[in-house]
Protein backbone atom coordinates (compact mmCIF):
# COMPACT_ATOMS: atom_id res chain seq x y z
CA MET A 1 2.29 -63.28 43.04
CA THR A 2 3.83 -64.81 40.03
CA ILE A 3 3.61 -62.96 36.77
CA SER A 4 3.22 -65.28 33.74
CA TYR A 5 5.80 -65.30 30.88
CA ASP A 6 3.35 -64.18 28.35
CA LEU A 7 2.15 -61.32 30.51
CA ALA A 8 5.65 -60.21 31.12
CA VAL A 9 6.50 -60.15 27.45
CA SER A 10 3.33 -58.25 26.75
CA TYR A 11 4.72 -55.36 28.82
CA ILE A 12 8.20 -55.51 27.54
CA ASP A 13 7.66 -54.39 23.92
CA PRO A 14 5.59 -51.19 24.90
CA LEU A 15 8.19 -50.21 27.40
CA ARG A 16 10.93 -50.56 24.87
CA ARG A 17 8.94 -48.48 22.49
CA PHE A 18 8.28 -45.84 25.07
CA SER A 19 11.98 -45.80 25.91
CA ARG A 20 12.72 -45.03 22.40
CA GLU A 21 10.16 -42.30 22.17
CA ILE A 22 11.71 -40.63 25.27
CA ALA A 23 15.16 -41.13 23.77
CA SER A 24 14.13 -39.26 20.57
CA ILE A 25 12.91 -36.34 22.79
CA PHE A 26 16.33 -35.76 23.95
CA GLY A 27 17.81 -36.19 20.42
CA ASN A 28 15.46 -33.67 19.09
CA ARG A 29 16.31 -31.25 21.84
CA ARG A 30 19.82 -31.16 20.46
CA ARG A 31 18.61 -31.04 16.75
CA PHE A 32 16.09 -28.35 17.07
CA ARG A 33 18.05 -25.62 18.73
CA PRO A 34 20.49 -23.00 17.51
CA HIS A 35 24.21 -23.84 17.93
CA THR A 36 25.35 -20.52 18.56
CA PRO A 37 29.10 -19.45 18.68
CA ALA A 38 30.85 -18.85 21.90
CA SER A 39 31.89 -15.30 20.63
CA GLY A 40 30.70 -12.80 18.02
CA LEU A 41 27.36 -11.03 17.74
CA VAL A 42 24.27 -13.07 17.82
CA VAL A 43 21.11 -11.54 16.35
CA GLU A 44 17.67 -12.86 16.77
CA VAL A 45 14.97 -11.82 14.31
CA GLY A 46 11.48 -12.01 15.70
CA GLY A 47 12.39 -12.99 19.26
CA GLY A 48 9.04 -11.83 20.39
CA HIS A 49 7.92 -13.20 23.81
CA SER A 50 10.79 -15.66 24.17
CA PRO A 51 14.16 -14.63 22.95
CA TYR A 52 17.00 -16.90 22.91
CA PRO A 53 19.38 -16.37 25.97
CA ARG A 54 22.40 -16.11 23.88
CA ALA A 55 21.03 -13.32 21.76
CA ASP A 56 22.98 -10.04 21.91
CA LEU A 57 20.12 -8.32 20.09
CA VAL A 58 16.51 -8.84 18.97
CA ILE A 59 15.05 -7.37 15.80
CA GLU A 60 11.31 -7.19 16.28
CA LYS A 61 8.72 -5.17 14.18
CA TYR A 62 5.58 -5.72 16.14
CA VAL A 63 6.30 -4.96 19.83
CA ALA A 64 2.68 -3.58 20.36
CA ASP A 65 0.71 -6.30 18.39
CA ASP A 66 0.58 -9.80 19.89
CA PHE A 67 -1.88 -11.19 17.18
CA GLU A 68 0.95 -13.57 15.84
CA ARG A 69 2.65 -14.22 19.19
CA ALA A 70 2.11 -16.83 21.90
CA ASP A 71 2.43 -14.34 24.66
CA LYS A 72 3.45 -10.70 25.52
CA MET A 73 6.48 -9.10 24.13
CA SER A 74 9.59 -9.64 26.05
CA PHE A 75 12.25 -6.71 26.61
CA SER A 76 14.77 -8.91 28.44
CA ARG A 77 17.33 -8.56 25.47
CA PRO A 78 18.72 -5.30 23.73
CA LEU A 79 15.97 -4.38 21.07
CA VAL A 80 15.65 -2.62 17.76
CA VAL A 81 12.32 -2.30 16.08
CA GLY A 82 12.94 -3.21 12.52
CA ASP A 83 11.62 -5.32 9.62
CA GLY A 84 13.09 -8.69 9.03
CA GLN A 85 12.66 -8.02 5.22
CA ARG A 86 14.67 -4.86 5.68
CA ILE A 87 16.93 -5.71 8.69
CA PRO A 88 18.71 -2.44 9.65
CA LEU A 89 22.19 -3.83 10.14
CA SER A 90 25.30 -3.72 8.12
CA ASP A 91 26.47 -6.65 5.89
CA GLY A 92 28.24 -9.43 7.80
CA CYS A 93 28.05 -7.60 11.23
CA ALA A 94 26.79 -10.75 13.03
CA ALA A 95 28.43 -14.13 13.60
CA TYR A 96 25.10 -15.85 13.81
CA VAL A 97 21.43 -15.10 13.28
CA ILE A 98 18.34 -16.90 14.68
CA ALA A 99 14.91 -16.64 13.10
CA SER A 100 12.71 -19.42 14.85
CA HIS A 101 9.16 -19.53 13.85
CA VAL A 102 9.34 -16.28 12.00
CA LEU A 103 9.79 -17.05 8.29
CA GLU A 104 6.24 -18.63 8.00
CA HIS A 105 4.97 -15.04 8.59
CA ALA A 106 6.90 -13.53 5.83
CA THR A 107 5.23 -11.95 2.80
CA ASP A 108 8.40 -12.61 0.80
CA PRO A 109 10.52 -15.48 2.19
CA THR A 110 13.17 -14.92 -0.60
CA VAL A 111 13.86 -11.46 0.50
CA PHE A 112 13.74 -12.53 4.33
CA ALA A 113 16.14 -15.15 3.67
CA SER A 114 18.51 -12.94 1.74
CA GLU A 115 18.46 -10.49 4.52
CA LEU A 116 19.43 -13.06 7.10
CA SER A 117 22.22 -14.36 4.93
CA ARG A 118 23.49 -10.60 4.27
CA VAL A 119 23.88 -9.78 7.98
CA ALA A 120 25.22 -12.98 9.40
CA ARG A 121 27.75 -15.59 8.31
CA ALA A 122 25.73 -18.53 9.69
CA GLY A 123 22.35 -19.14 11.44
CA TYR A 124 19.48 -21.17 12.49
CA VAL A 125 15.90 -21.20 11.09
CA GLU A 126 12.82 -23.18 12.37
CA VAL A 127 9.34 -23.14 10.80
CA PRO A 128 6.22 -25.37 11.04
CA SER A 129 6.01 -28.09 8.39
CA ARG A 130 3.25 -28.49 6.00
CA GLU A 131 1.94 -31.39 8.13
CA SER A 132 1.88 -29.13 11.13
CA GLU A 133 -0.10 -26.44 9.24
CA LEU A 134 -2.73 -29.01 7.96
CA THR A 135 -3.08 -30.61 11.29
CA TYR A 136 -2.90 -27.76 13.81
CA GLY A 137 -3.36 -24.67 11.58
CA TRP A 138 -2.39 -21.02 12.16
CA PRO A 139 -4.62 -19.03 9.93
CA PHE A 140 -2.26 -16.03 9.87
CA HIS A 141 0.52 -18.23 8.24
CA PRO A 142 0.31 -17.63 4.44
CA TRP A 143 2.56 -20.76 3.51
CA LEU A 144 2.91 -24.46 3.55
CA ILE A 145 6.58 -25.29 3.94
CA ASP A 146 8.44 -28.44 2.99
CA LEU A 147 12.20 -29.26 3.25
CA ASP A 148 14.09 -30.45 0.12
CA GLY A 149 17.33 -31.45 1.30
CA ASP A 150 18.63 -28.05 2.86
CA ILE A 151 16.13 -25.84 0.96
CA LEU A 152 13.04 -24.61 2.54
CA VAL A 153 10.21 -24.70 -0.03
CA PHE A 154 7.33 -22.21 0.29
CA GLU A 155 4.01 -22.86 -1.25
CA PRO A 156 0.97 -20.45 -0.96
CA ARG A 157 -1.63 -22.28 1.42
CA GLN A 158 -4.50 -20.66 -0.40
CA ALA A 159 -7.65 -22.39 0.78
CA SER A 160 -5.95 -25.25 2.50
CA VAL A 161 -6.84 -25.32 6.13
CA ALA A 162 -6.71 -27.52 9.27
CA PRO A 163 -10.40 -28.49 9.72
CA LEU A 164 -9.82 -30.11 13.24
CA GLY A 165 -7.13 -27.69 14.20
CA GLN A 166 -8.66 -26.36 17.35
CA ILE A 167 -9.18 -29.88 18.60
CA HIS A 168 -5.52 -30.67 18.17
CA HIS A 169 -4.42 -27.35 19.85
CA THR A 170 -6.75 -28.15 22.77
CA LEU A 171 -5.30 -31.86 23.09
CA PHE A 172 -1.89 -30.37 22.98
CA ARG A 173 -2.51 -27.85 25.66
CA ASP A 174 -4.35 -30.45 28.08
CA SER A 175 -2.53 -33.75 27.44
CA ILE A 176 1.06 -34.40 28.57
CA LEU A 177 1.00 -37.58 26.33
CA GLN A 178 0.16 -35.37 23.38
CA GLN A 179 2.96 -33.14 24.16
CA LEU A 180 5.39 -36.04 24.51
CA SER A 181 4.23 -37.45 21.19
CA PHE A 182 4.83 -34.15 19.48
CA ALA A 183 8.31 -33.80 21.10
CA SER A 184 9.32 -37.24 20.13
CA HIS A 185 8.36 -36.87 16.49
CA ARG A 186 9.17 -33.18 16.16
CA GLN A 187 10.78 -33.66 12.79
CA THR A 188 7.20 -34.33 11.44
CA TRP A 189 6.01 -31.02 12.79
CA HIS A 190 8.88 -28.61 12.42
CA HIS A 191 11.66 -27.95 9.99
CA ALA A 192 15.05 -26.89 11.23
CA VAL A 193 17.85 -25.64 9.10
CA GLU A 194 21.22 -24.53 10.35
CA TRP A 195 23.18 -22.84 7.50
CA VAL A 196 26.49 -21.36 6.69
CA ASP A 197 27.03 -18.51 4.20
CA THR A 198 23.48 -18.63 2.60
CA LEU A 199 19.96 -19.82 3.73
CA LYS A 200 18.38 -21.50 0.79
CA VAL A 201 14.71 -21.12 0.02
CA ARG A 202 12.47 -21.72 -3.00
CA VAL A 203 9.11 -19.94 -3.26
CA ILE A 204 6.23 -21.33 -5.52
CA ASP A 205 4.08 -18.35 -6.45
CA ALA A 206 2.99 -15.58 -4.11
CA SER A 207 0.79 -15.60 -1.18
CA ILE A 208 -0.91 -13.14 1.17
CA ALA A 209 -2.07 -14.05 4.68
CA PRO A 210 -5.70 -13.72 5.29
CA SER A 211 -4.92 -11.71 8.28
CA SER A 212 -1.62 -10.43 9.94
CA ALA A 213 -0.11 -8.30 12.51
CA SER A 214 -0.04 -4.47 11.94
CA PHE A 215 2.66 -1.85 12.65
CA GLU A 216 1.26 1.08 14.51
CA LEU A 217 3.89 3.83 15.36
CA ASP A 218 1.77 5.42 18.23
CA ALA A 219 1.18 2.04 19.85
CA THR A 220 4.88 1.10 19.38
CA ILE A 221 5.90 4.27 21.10
CA ARG A 222 3.47 3.80 23.97
CA THR A 223 4.52 0.13 24.51
CA LEU A 224 8.32 1.19 24.43
CA GLU A 225 7.77 4.03 26.84
CA SER A 226 6.45 1.67 29.57
CA ALA A 227 8.92 -1.07 28.96
CA ALA A 228 12.04 -2.14 31.02
CA THR A 229 14.29 -1.88 28.13
CA THR A 230 18.02 -2.78 27.96
CA PRO A 231 20.70 -0.53 26.44
CA LEU A 232 22.20 -1.61 23.03
CA PRO A 233 25.79 -2.82 23.16
CA PRO A 234 28.23 -0.54 21.49
CA GLU A 235 28.96 -3.00 18.61
CA VAL A 236 25.26 -3.06 17.75
CA VAL A 237 24.92 0.78 17.77
CA HIS A 238 28.01 0.83 15.20
CA ALA A 239 26.38 -1.72 13.04
CA LEU A 240 22.85 -0.02 12.73
CA THR A 241 21.97 1.09 9.31
CA CYS A 242 19.34 3.10 7.52
CA PRO A 243 16.47 0.85 6.42
CA SER A 244 15.98 3.01 3.30
CA CYS A 245 19.45 3.50 1.82
CA ARG A 246 21.45 0.98 3.79
CA ALA A 247 24.06 3.67 4.98
CA GLY A 248 25.03 4.01 8.50
CA VAL A 249 23.12 5.80 11.19
CA ARG A 250 24.65 7.80 14.15
CA PRO A 251 22.87 9.10 17.33
CA ILE A 252 22.11 12.77 17.25
CA ASN A 253 20.99 12.57 20.87
CA SER A 254 19.16 10.18 23.01
CA THR A 255 15.92 10.26 21.10
CA GLN A 256 17.26 10.51 17.48
CA LEU A 257 19.38 8.66 15.04
CA LYS A 258 20.43 10.27 11.55
CA CYS A 259 21.37 8.55 8.46
CA THR A 260 24.87 9.50 7.26
CA SER A 261 23.77 9.52 3.53
CA CYS A 262 20.12 10.25 2.97
CA GLU A 263 19.85 12.26 6.28
CA SER A 264 16.66 10.61 7.31
CA VAL A 265 16.06 10.83 11.08
CA TYR A 266 14.71 7.96 13.05
CA PRO A 267 13.25 8.02 16.59
CA ILE A 268 14.80 6.30 19.60
CA VAL A 269 12.08 5.51 22.24
CA ASN A 270 13.40 4.47 25.82
CA GLN A 271 16.79 3.22 24.49
CA VAL A 272 15.06 1.40 21.56
CA PRO A 273 15.62 2.67 17.86
CA ILE A 274 12.81 2.32 15.45
CA LEU A 275 14.46 1.76 12.16
CA ILE A 276 11.41 0.97 9.77
CA GLU A 277 11.52 2.30 6.26
CA GLY A 278 9.22 5.21 6.00
CA VAL A 279 8.88 5.90 9.74
CA THR A 280 11.12 9.01 10.14
CA ILE A 281 10.81 12.27 12.26
């Protein structure tokens, strides 16, 4: 069977465009990922259900509450229960810090960004874009986020919603073509910033999420007691700090840490320190 010239040409352009789309997916895979150093401490804040394989330590506050996570908490990496807005680590202790899809949950992105910059010399941050929030929609995210050069700009979402968000979530779940389109145009849906020295943010007014995860000590302890946890590396133990006064903390025994300055005592549950301000023994 002979294919006419016009028919052949009609297929060439779509195939070329499809090839470009596929190529952009691989380009975005390189762009939208942390470029972690070969050596030095790598910390992930909010690693949750899928911590980065290179992370030496995960800082996570809500181990017992999956409200703002896509899946159950993972305990595959060494863990400290701590707050991203009060990271219980010493200044400059990490070579690199990762916060992927975490900053959009923050009540105060300026404080969160300053904490990331304080504990690490460089890092990677990824957040959903304004377009993503208004197309897909996550009601527990209090911000619409833009990227101005290398500055993440946070604006309160207030009454802005994604009226057809559930339809888009369903299409994404069920359609491989939808997933390929998202991946090839990821720069529309996500912002990625790899920073050195200082993560820059600008916040326009204050915002409060309509609903959010909650920290419950008893539930946290129960979750940790039944988890297959991993011991902390020695360099992490030496870098731990009191979330209240920032001084160092030292183990009293296998279940307690004591601040060297204010003498607050914090619990250790199944090898995992709980270093949340105000949560003391």
